[in-house]
C-alpha atoms as a PDB file:
ATOM      1  CA  MET A   1     -26.360 -23.234  10.154  1.00  0.00           C
ATOM      2  CA  THR A   2     -27.103 -25.297   7.100  1.00  0.00           C
ATOM      3  CA  LEU A   3     -25.506 -25.392   3.651  1.00  0.00           C
ATOM      4  CA  ALA A   4     -28.374 -23.382   2.271  1.00  0.00           C
ATOM      5  CA  ASP A   5     -27.227 -20.401   4.413  1.00  0.00           C
ATOM      6  CA  TYR A   6     -24.118 -20.162   2.258  1.00  0.00           C
ATOM      7  CA  LEU A   7     -26.038 -20.100  -1.041  1.00  0.00           C
ATOM      8  CA  PRO A   8     -25.965 -16.254  -1.316  1.00  0.00           C
ATOM      9  CA  ILE A   9     -22.190 -16.286  -0.858  1.00  0.00           C
ATOM     10  CA  ALA A  10     -21.747 -18.907  -3.497  1.00  0.00           C
ATOM     11  CA  ILE A  11     -24.042 -17.003  -5.933  1.00  0.00           C
ATOM     12  CA  MET A  12     -21.954 -13.816  -5.309  1.00  0.00           C
ATOM     13  CA  LEU A  13     -18.724 -15.701  -5.915  1.00  0.00           C
ATOM     14  CA  GLY A  14     -20.126 -17.181  -9.126  1.00  0.00           C
ATOM     15  CA  LEU A  15     -21.250 -13.796 -10.321  1.00  0.00           C
ATOM     16  CA  ALA A  16     -17.817 -12.385  -9.554  1.00  0.00           C
ATOM     17  CA  ALA A  17     -16.120 -15.132 -11.539  1.00  0.00           C
ATOM     18  CA  ILE A  18     -18.423 -14.565 -14.500  1.00  0.00           C
ATOM     19  CA  PHE A  19     -17.842 -10.791 -14.374  1.00  0.00           C
ATOM     20  CA  VAL A  20     -14.049 -11.322 -14.456  1.00  0.00           C
ATOM     21  CA  ALA A  21     -14.278 -13.807 -17.320  1.00  0.00           C
ATOM     22  CA  VAL A  22     -16.566 -11.608 -19.376  1.00  0.00           C
ATOM     23  CA  SER A  23     -14.380  -8.512 -18.670  1.00  0.00           C
ATOM     24  CA  LEU A  24     -11.332 -10.378 -19.795  1.00  0.00           C
ATOM     25  CA  VAL A  25     -13.004 -11.598 -23.020  1.00  0.00           C
ATOM     26  CA  VAL A  26     -14.443  -8.210 -23.887  1.00  0.00           C
ATOM     27  CA  SER A  27     -11.167  -6.409 -23.264  1.00  0.00           C
ATOM     28  CA  ARG A  28      -9.348  -8.921 -25.421  1.00  0.00           C
ATOM     29  CA  PHE A  29     -11.924  -8.540 -28.133  1.00  0.00           C
ATOM     30  CA  PHE A  30     -11.940  -4.691 -28.219  1.00  0.00           C
ATOM     31  CA  SER A  31      -8.271  -3.976 -27.459  1.00  0.00           C
ATOM     32  CA  PRO A  32      -6.085  -2.820 -30.388  1.00  0.00           C
ATOM     33  CA  ASP A  33      -3.634  -5.340 -31.754  1.00  0.00           C
ATOM     34  CA  ARG A  34      -1.358  -2.754 -33.318  1.00  0.00           C
ATOM     35  CA  PRO A  35      -1.009   0.328 -31.157  1.00  0.00           C
ATOM     36  CA  THR A  36       0.381   3.393 -32.839  1.00  0.00           C
ATOM     37  CA  PRO A  37       3.831   4.793 -31.873  1.00  0.00           C
ATOM     38  CA  GLU A  38       2.037   7.669 -30.122  1.00  0.00           C
ATOM     39  CA  LYS A  39       0.316   5.310 -27.864  1.00  0.00           C
ATOM     40  CA  LEU A  40       3.560   3.623 -26.953  1.00  0.00           C
ATOM     41  CA  ASP A  41       5.328   6.977 -25.990  1.00  0.00           C
ATOM     42  CA  PRO A  42       5.283   7.911 -22.344  1.00  0.00           C
ATOM     43  CA  TYR A  43       2.789  10.573 -21.348  1.00  0.00           C
ATOM     44  CA  GLU A  44       4.697  13.668 -20.255  1.00  0.00           C
ATOM     45  CA  CYS A  45       1.872  16.311 -19.975  1.00  0.00           C
ATOM     46  CA  GLY A  46       1.811  16.643 -23.735  1.00  0.00           C
ATOM     47  CA  ILE A  47       5.482  17.579 -23.984  1.00  0.00           C
ATOM     48  CA  VAL A  48       7.966  15.250 -25.732  1.00  0.00           C
ATOM     49  CA  PRO A  49      10.868  14.731 -23.372  1.00  0.00           C
ATOM     50  CA  GLU A  50      14.235  15.988 -24.841  1.00  0.00           C
ATOM     51  CA  VAL A  51      16.492  13.903 -22.546  1.00  0.00           C
ATOM     52  CA  GLU A  52      16.034  11.004 -20.180  1.00  0.00           C
ATOM     53  CA  PRO A  53      16.064  11.833 -16.450  1.00  0.00           C
ATOM     54  CA  ALA A  54      19.480  11.753 -14.796  1.00  0.00           C
ATOM     55  CA  GLN A  55      18.370   9.388 -12.079  1.00  0.00           C
ATOM     56  CA  ARG A  56      15.441   7.184 -11.234  1.00  0.00           C
ATOM     57  CA  PHE A  57      12.706   8.318  -8.891  1.00  0.00           C
ATOM     58  CA  PRO A  58      13.723   7.582  -5.297  1.00  0.00           C
ATOM     59  CA  VAL A  59      12.154   4.434  -3.781  1.00  0.00           C
ATOM     60  CA  ARG A  60      12.188   6.138  -0.387  1.00  0.00           C
ATOM     61  CA  PHE A  61       9.194   8.157  -1.495  1.00  0.00           C
ATOM     62  CA  TYR A  62       7.083   5.002  -2.018  1.00  0.00           C
ATOM     63  CA  LEU A  63       8.232   3.637   1.328  1.00  0.00           C
ATOM     64  CA  VAL A  64       7.163   6.806   3.079  1.00  0.00           C
ATOM     65  CA  ALA A  65       3.867   6.826   1.184  1.00  0.00           C
ATOM     66  CA  MET A  66       3.138   3.211   2.293  1.00  0.00           C
ATOM     67  CA  LEU A  67       4.036   4.105   5.860  1.00  0.00           C
ATOM     68  CA  PHE A  68       1.649   7.068   5.668  1.00  0.00           C
ATOM     69  CA  VAL A  69      -1.177   4.789   4.492  1.00  0.00           C
ATOM     70  CA  ILE A  70      -0.529   2.337   7.267  1.00  0.00           C
ATOM     71  CA  PHE A  71      -0.593   5.038   9.916  1.00  0.00           C
ATOM     72  CA  ASP A  72      -3.555   6.774   8.300  1.00  0.00           C
ATOM     73  CA  VAL A  73      -5.531   3.535   8.498  1.00  0.00           C
ATOM     74  CA  GLU A  74      -4.764   3.399  12.119  1.00  0.00           C
ATOM     75  CA  ILE A  75      -6.375   6.778  12.525  1.00  0.00           C
ATOM     76  CA  ILE A  76      -9.467   5.463  10.889  1.00  0.00           C
ATOM     77  CA  PHE A  77      -9.591   2.522  13.236  1.00  0.00           C
ATOM     78  CA  LEU A  78      -9.144   4.821  16.258  1.00  0.00           C
ATOM     79  CA  PHE A  79     -11.974   7.103  15.002  1.00  0.00           C
ATOM     80  CA  ALA A  80     -14.344   4.164  14.694  1.00  0.00           C
ATOM     81  CA  TRP A  81     -13.313   2.910  18.135  1.00  0.00           C
ATOM     82  CA  ALA A  82     -13.761   6.314  19.694  1.00  0.00           C
ATOM     83  CA  SER A  83     -17.256   6.674  18.307  1.00  0.00           C
ATOM     84  CA  ILE A  84     -18.415   3.476  20.239  1.00  0.00           C
ATOM     85  CA  TRP A  85     -15.896   3.095  22.993  1.00  0.00           C
ATOM     86  CA  THR A  86     -18.559   3.218  25.752  1.00  0.00           C
ATOM     87  CA  ASP A  87     -20.364   0.226  24.264  1.00  0.00           C
ATOM     88  CA  LEU A  88     -17.259  -1.842  24.038  1.00  0.00           C
ATOM     89  CA  GLY A  89     -16.308  -1.635  27.706  1.00  0.00           C
ATOM     90  CA  TRP A  90     -12.905  -2.772  29.086  1.00  0.00           C
ATOM     91  CA  TRP A  91     -12.536  -5.333  26.272  1.00  0.00           C
ATOM     92  CA  GLY A  92     -12.542  -2.495  23.807  1.00  0.00           C
ATOM     93  CA  VAL A  93     -10.075  -0.587  25.748  1.00  0.00           C
ATOM     94  CA  ALA A  94      -7.698  -3.595  25.936  1.00  0.00           C
ATOM     95  CA  ALA A  95      -8.138  -4.300  22.200  1.00  0.00           C
ATOM     96  CA  ILE A  96      -7.231  -0.781  21.297  1.00  0.00           C
ATOM     97  CA  LEU A  97      -4.277  -0.698  23.525  1.00  0.00           C
ATOM     98  CA  ILE A  98      -2.909  -3.917  21.986  1.00  0.00           C
ATOM     99  CA  PHE A  99      -3.547  -2.439  18.518  1.00  0.00           C
ATOM    100  CA  THR A 100      -1.851   0.823  19.422  1.00  0.00           C
ATOM    101  CA  ALA A 101       1.120  -1.128  20.904  1.00  0.00           C
ATOM    102  CA  PHE A 102       1.590  -2.956  17.564  1.00  0.00           C
ATOM    103  CA  VAL A 103       1.394   0.215  15.616  1.00  0.00           C
ATOM    104  CA  LEU A 104       3.878   1.960  17.920  1.00  0.00           C
ATOM    105  CA  GLU A 105       6.188  -1.053  17.631  1.00  0.00           C
ATOM    106  CA  THR A 106       5.981  -0.787  13.810  1.00  0.00           C
ATOM    107  CA  LEU A 107       6.819   2.949  14.016  1.00  0.00           C
ATOM    108  CA  ALA A 108       9.816   2.206  16.315  1.00  0.00           C
ATOM    109  CA  TYR A 109      11.006  -0.520  13.864  1.00  0.00           C
ATOM    110  CA  VAL A 110      10.824   1.607  10.672  1.00  0.00           C
ATOM    111  CA  TRP A 111      12.445   4.507  12.658  1.00  0.00           C
ATOM    112  CA  LYS A 112      15.311   2.310  13.793  1.00  0.00           C
ATOM    113  CA  ARG A 113      15.800   0.875  10.244  1.00  0.00           C
ATOM    114  CA  GLY A 114      16.129   4.466   8.982  1.00  0.00           C
ATOM    115  CA  ALA A 115      13.024   4.428   6.704  1.00  0.00           C
ATOM    116  CA  LEU A 116      12.097   7.892   7.973  1.00  0.00           C
ATOM    117  CA  ASP A 117      15.553   9.318   7.863  1.00  0.00           C
ATOM    118  CA  TRP A 118      16.281  11.095   4.598  1.00  0.00           C
ATOM    119  CA  ASN A 119      19.840  12.092   5.564  1.00  0.00           C
ATOM    120  CA  VAL A 120      21.953   9.606   3.565  1.00  0.00           C
ATOM    121  CA  LYS A 121      25.233   9.916   5.711  1.00  0.00           C
ATOM    122  CA  ARG A 122      23.219   9.385   8.897  1.00  0.00           C
ATOM    123  CA  ARG A 123      21.286   6.454   7.335  1.00  0.00           C
ATOM    124  CA  ALA A 124      24.515   4.684   6.517  1.00  0.00           C
ATOM    125  CA  ARG A 125      25.028   3.657  10.100  1.00  0.00           C
ATOM    126  CA  TYR A 126      21.799   1.570   9.989  1.00  0.00           C
ATOM    127  CA  THR A 127      22.939  -0.464   6.939  1.00  0.00           C
ATOM    128  CA  GLY A 128      26.561  -0.949   8.014  1.00  0.00           C
ATOM    129  CA  GLU A 129      27.962   0.880   5.014  1.00  0.00           C
ATOM    130  CA  GLU A 130      30.172   3.121   7.183  1.00  0.00           C
ATOM    131  CA  LEU A 131      31.834   0.092   8.734  1.00  0.00           C
ATOM    132  CA  GLN A 132      32.543  -1.414   5.366  1.00  0.00           C
ATOM    133  CA  GLU A 133      34.039   1.843   4.099  1.00  0.00           C
ATOM    134  CA  ALA A 134      36.320   2.090   7.171  1.00  0.00           C
ATOM    135  CA  ALA A 135      37.630  -1.434   6.595  1.00  0.00           C
END
């Protein structure tokens, strides 16, 4: 390989950098400097909120959503592997077994840490809160 083989990659990186710079300049030029109070209000389906919510949205929802994405991506990899597994031979089988072992280890870890447990009293044993309350 020569340095000329990398020229298309350098051109693409240069074009990406130019696109980012132009996008930032254009957005700075056309963005409003003085937004109206209506634009600063939170969007609540067109209804003005009468009171603030009693509590914040639980972070556990985001944790479960991220875990879902991780395990959903695993299914995509397994589907791609299953479509060409005969061409990969034993190397492909070994690679997918290692990949699956890592994913199962991740599942065991998040399960042990209580990320999938929505029962607060039962979850306390993982964080040690029960021991601190007893002391």
